[in-house]
Amino acid sequence: MPVNPAIQGRSYPPVDAYLVGREKVREFARAVFATNPIHFEVEAARAAGHADVVAPPTFPVVVQEATLAQLLGDEDAGIDFGRVVHGDQRFEYSRPVVAGDELTAHLTVTSVKSLGGNSMITASTVIDDATGEHVVTATSTLVVRGED
């Protein structure tokens, strides 16, 4: 089944809140080979003006994952996960993510295109803090390879 172009503009409900843990930030920072002490040491983060350790810039993919699962699990979308390749990832920040943040995310499909037998789906996940203030928007482009 090909990707359904009618999903363009579709929004999904917010996923459960994600509480950013200090150790999760540290684990992610080690995994991406981040070296800045603000990712590991509370004192360094506070000296730099943050409330707690600061997540590396790509950390929001952890939060975004639950919203992408909604899209990929939507039978009406027609996405065969076995044919998906991650094409692009971007982040637009209002402020850094720090340990202690309680983040809520919701996804909107912003574009569905066909190109050379493949489908390209762009989805933006808006991530807000517990006060409803925008923290970051994570935008992913998924390529769904056409039939062999």
Protein backbone atom coordinates (compact mmCIF):
# COMPACT_ATOMS: atom_id res chain seq x y z
CA MET A 1 0.00 0.00 0.00
CA PRO A 2 1.47 3.41 -0.93
CA VAL A 3 1.70 6.30 1.52
CA ASN A 4 -1.61 8.12 1.79
CA PRO A 5 -1.11 11.75 0.65
CA ALA A 6 -4.25 12.73 2.58
CA ILE A 7 -2.27 12.55 5.86
CA GLN A 8 -0.65 15.90 4.99
CA GLY A 9 -1.92 18.34 7.60
CA ARG A 10 -2.93 15.58 10.03
CA SER A 11 -2.15 16.26 13.68
CA TYR A 12 -1.94 13.67 16.42
CA PRO A 13 -2.84 14.19 20.08
CA PRO A 14 -0.08 15.06 22.54
CA VAL A 15 1.83 12.11 23.91
CA ASP A 16 2.37 11.53 27.63
CA ALA A 17 4.70 14.05 29.26
CA TYR A 18 8.39 13.16 29.30
CA LEU A 19 10.31 14.09 32.45
CA VAL A 20 13.90 14.85 31.47
CA GLY A 21 16.17 13.05 33.92
CA ARG A 22 19.69 14.13 34.79
CA GLU A 23 21.11 10.65 34.15
CA LYS A 24 19.27 10.38 30.81
CA VAL A 25 20.92 13.64 29.73
CA ARG A 26 24.32 12.33 30.80
CA GLU A 27 23.75 8.98 29.05
CA PHE A 28 22.70 10.69 25.84
CA ALA A 29 25.65 13.08 26.02
CA ARG A 30 28.05 10.14 26.34
CA ALA A 31 26.33 8.33 23.46
CA VAL A 32 26.82 11.29 21.10
CA PHE A 33 30.35 11.98 22.35
CA ALA A 34 29.46 15.38 23.79
CA THR A 35 32.27 16.82 25.88
CA ASN A 36 30.95 20.10 27.26
CA PRO A 37 30.77 19.91 31.08
CA ILE A 38 27.27 21.50 31.07
CA HIS A 39 25.96 18.13 29.87
CA PHE A 40 27.43 16.30 32.88
CA GLU A 41 28.04 18.64 35.81
CA VAL A 42 25.27 20.55 37.56
CA GLU A 43 27.77 23.15 38.77
CA ALA A 44 29.03 23.83 35.24
CA ALA A 45 25.48 24.11 33.93
CA ARG A 46 24.49 26.53 36.70
CA ALA A 47 27.63 28.59 36.13
CA ALA A 48 26.51 28.89 32.49
CA GLY A 49 23.07 30.14 33.60
CA HIS A 50 21.03 26.93 33.46
CA ALA A 51 18.95 25.33 36.21
CA ASP A 52 20.46 21.87 35.73
CA VAL A 53 22.48 19.83 33.23
CA VAL A 54 21.76 20.77 29.62
CA ALA A 55 20.74 18.16 27.07
CA PRO A 56 22.78 18.00 23.85
CA PRO A 57 21.06 19.64 20.88
CA THR A 58 19.82 16.36 19.38
CA PHE A 59 18.28 15.06 22.65
CA PRO A 60 14.70 15.98 21.61
CA VAL A 61 14.67 12.93 19.31
CA VAL A 62 14.10 10.96 22.51
CA VAL A 63 10.89 12.91 23.12
CA GLN A 64 9.95 13.00 19.44
CA GLU A 65 10.14 9.21 19.15
CA ALA A 66 6.74 8.73 20.78
CA THR A 67 5.09 11.11 18.32
CA LEU A 68 6.69 9.39 15.34
CA ALA A 69 5.39 6.09 16.70
CA GLN A 70 1.87 7.53 16.40
CA LEU A 71 2.45 8.36 12.75
CA LEU A 72 4.12 5.06 11.92
CA GLY A 73 1.36 3.14 13.68
CA ASP A 74 -1.43 4.97 11.86
CA GLU A 75 -2.81 2.33 9.48
CA ASP A 76 -4.48 5.04 7.40
CA ALA A 77 -1.04 6.56 6.67
CA GLY A 78 0.05 3.51 4.69
CA ILE A 79 3.66 3.61 5.89
CA ASP A 80 5.55 0.32 5.65
CA PHE A 81 8.15 0.75 8.41
CA GLY A 82 10.38 -1.85 6.77
CA ARG A 83 10.83 0.57 3.87
CA VAL A 84 11.50 3.73 5.95
CA VAL A 85 14.83 5.57 5.82
CA HIS A 86 15.43 8.64 7.96
CA GLY A 87 16.13 11.42 5.46
CA ASP A 88 16.59 14.58 7.53
CA GLN A 89 16.37 15.92 11.08
CA ARG A 90 16.21 19.56 12.22
CA PHE A 91 15.65 21.41 15.47
CA GLU A 92 14.41 24.94 16.13
CA TYR A 93 14.91 25.97 19.75
CA SER A 94 13.33 28.62 21.95
CA ARG A 95 15.56 27.49 24.82
CA PRO A 96 17.73 24.51 25.74
CA VAL A 97 16.31 21.35 27.26
CA VAL A 98 17.50 20.85 30.84
CA ALA A 99 17.13 18.09 33.41
CA GLY A 100 13.89 18.56 35.29
CA ASP A 101 11.91 19.73 32.26
CA GLU A 102 8.54 18.04 31.83
CA LEU A 103 7.99 18.04 28.09
CA THR A 104 4.83 17.41 26.10
CA ALA A 105 4.97 16.79 22.35
CA HIS A 106 2.54 16.65 19.48
CA LEU A 107 3.17 15.89 15.82
CA THR A 108 1.75 17.35 12.63
CA VAL A 109 2.44 15.94 9.16
CA THR A 110 3.56 19.01 7.23
CA SER A 111 4.29 17.48 3.84
CA VAL A 112 3.80 14.31 1.81
CA LYS A 113 5.54 14.15 -1.57
CA SER A 114 6.33 11.51 -4.17
CA LEU A 115 9.75 11.52 -5.75
CA GLY A 116 11.14 8.87 -8.07
CA GLY A 117 8.82 6.15 -6.80
CA ASN A 118 9.54 7.01 -3.17
CA SER A 119 7.42 8.95 -0.70
CA MET A 120 8.82 11.70 1.49
CA ILE A 121 6.94 12.55 4.67
CA THR A 122 7.91 15.60 6.70
CA ALA A 123 6.56 15.81 10.23
CA SER A 124 7.07 18.52 12.84
CA THR A 125 6.89 17.74 16.53
CA VAL A 126 6.29 20.75 18.74
CA ILE A 127 7.68 20.23 22.23
CA ASP A 128 6.48 22.44 25.09
CA ASP A 129 7.35 22.57 28.79
CA ALA A 130 4.95 22.10 31.70
CA THR A 131 3.91 25.77 31.54
CA GLY A 132 2.95 25.41 27.86
CA GLU A 133 5.93 27.42 26.65
CA HIS A 134 7.62 26.28 23.44
CA VAL A 135 11.01 24.65 23.95
CA VAL A 136 11.89 23.11 20.60
CA THR A 137 10.36 21.94 17.34
CA ALA A 138 11.88 18.75 15.95
CA THR A 139 11.28 18.22 12.24
CA SER A 140 11.92 14.85 10.60
CA THR A 141 11.75 13.81 6.98
CA LEU A 142 11.15 10.12 6.43
CA VAL A 143 11.70 8.49 3.08
CA VAL A 144 9.49 5.50 2.35
CA ARG A 145 11.21 3.55 -0.39
CA GLY A 146 9.01 2.43 -3.27
CA GLU A 147 8.55 -1.13 -4.37
CA ASP A 148 11.66 -2.97 -5.59
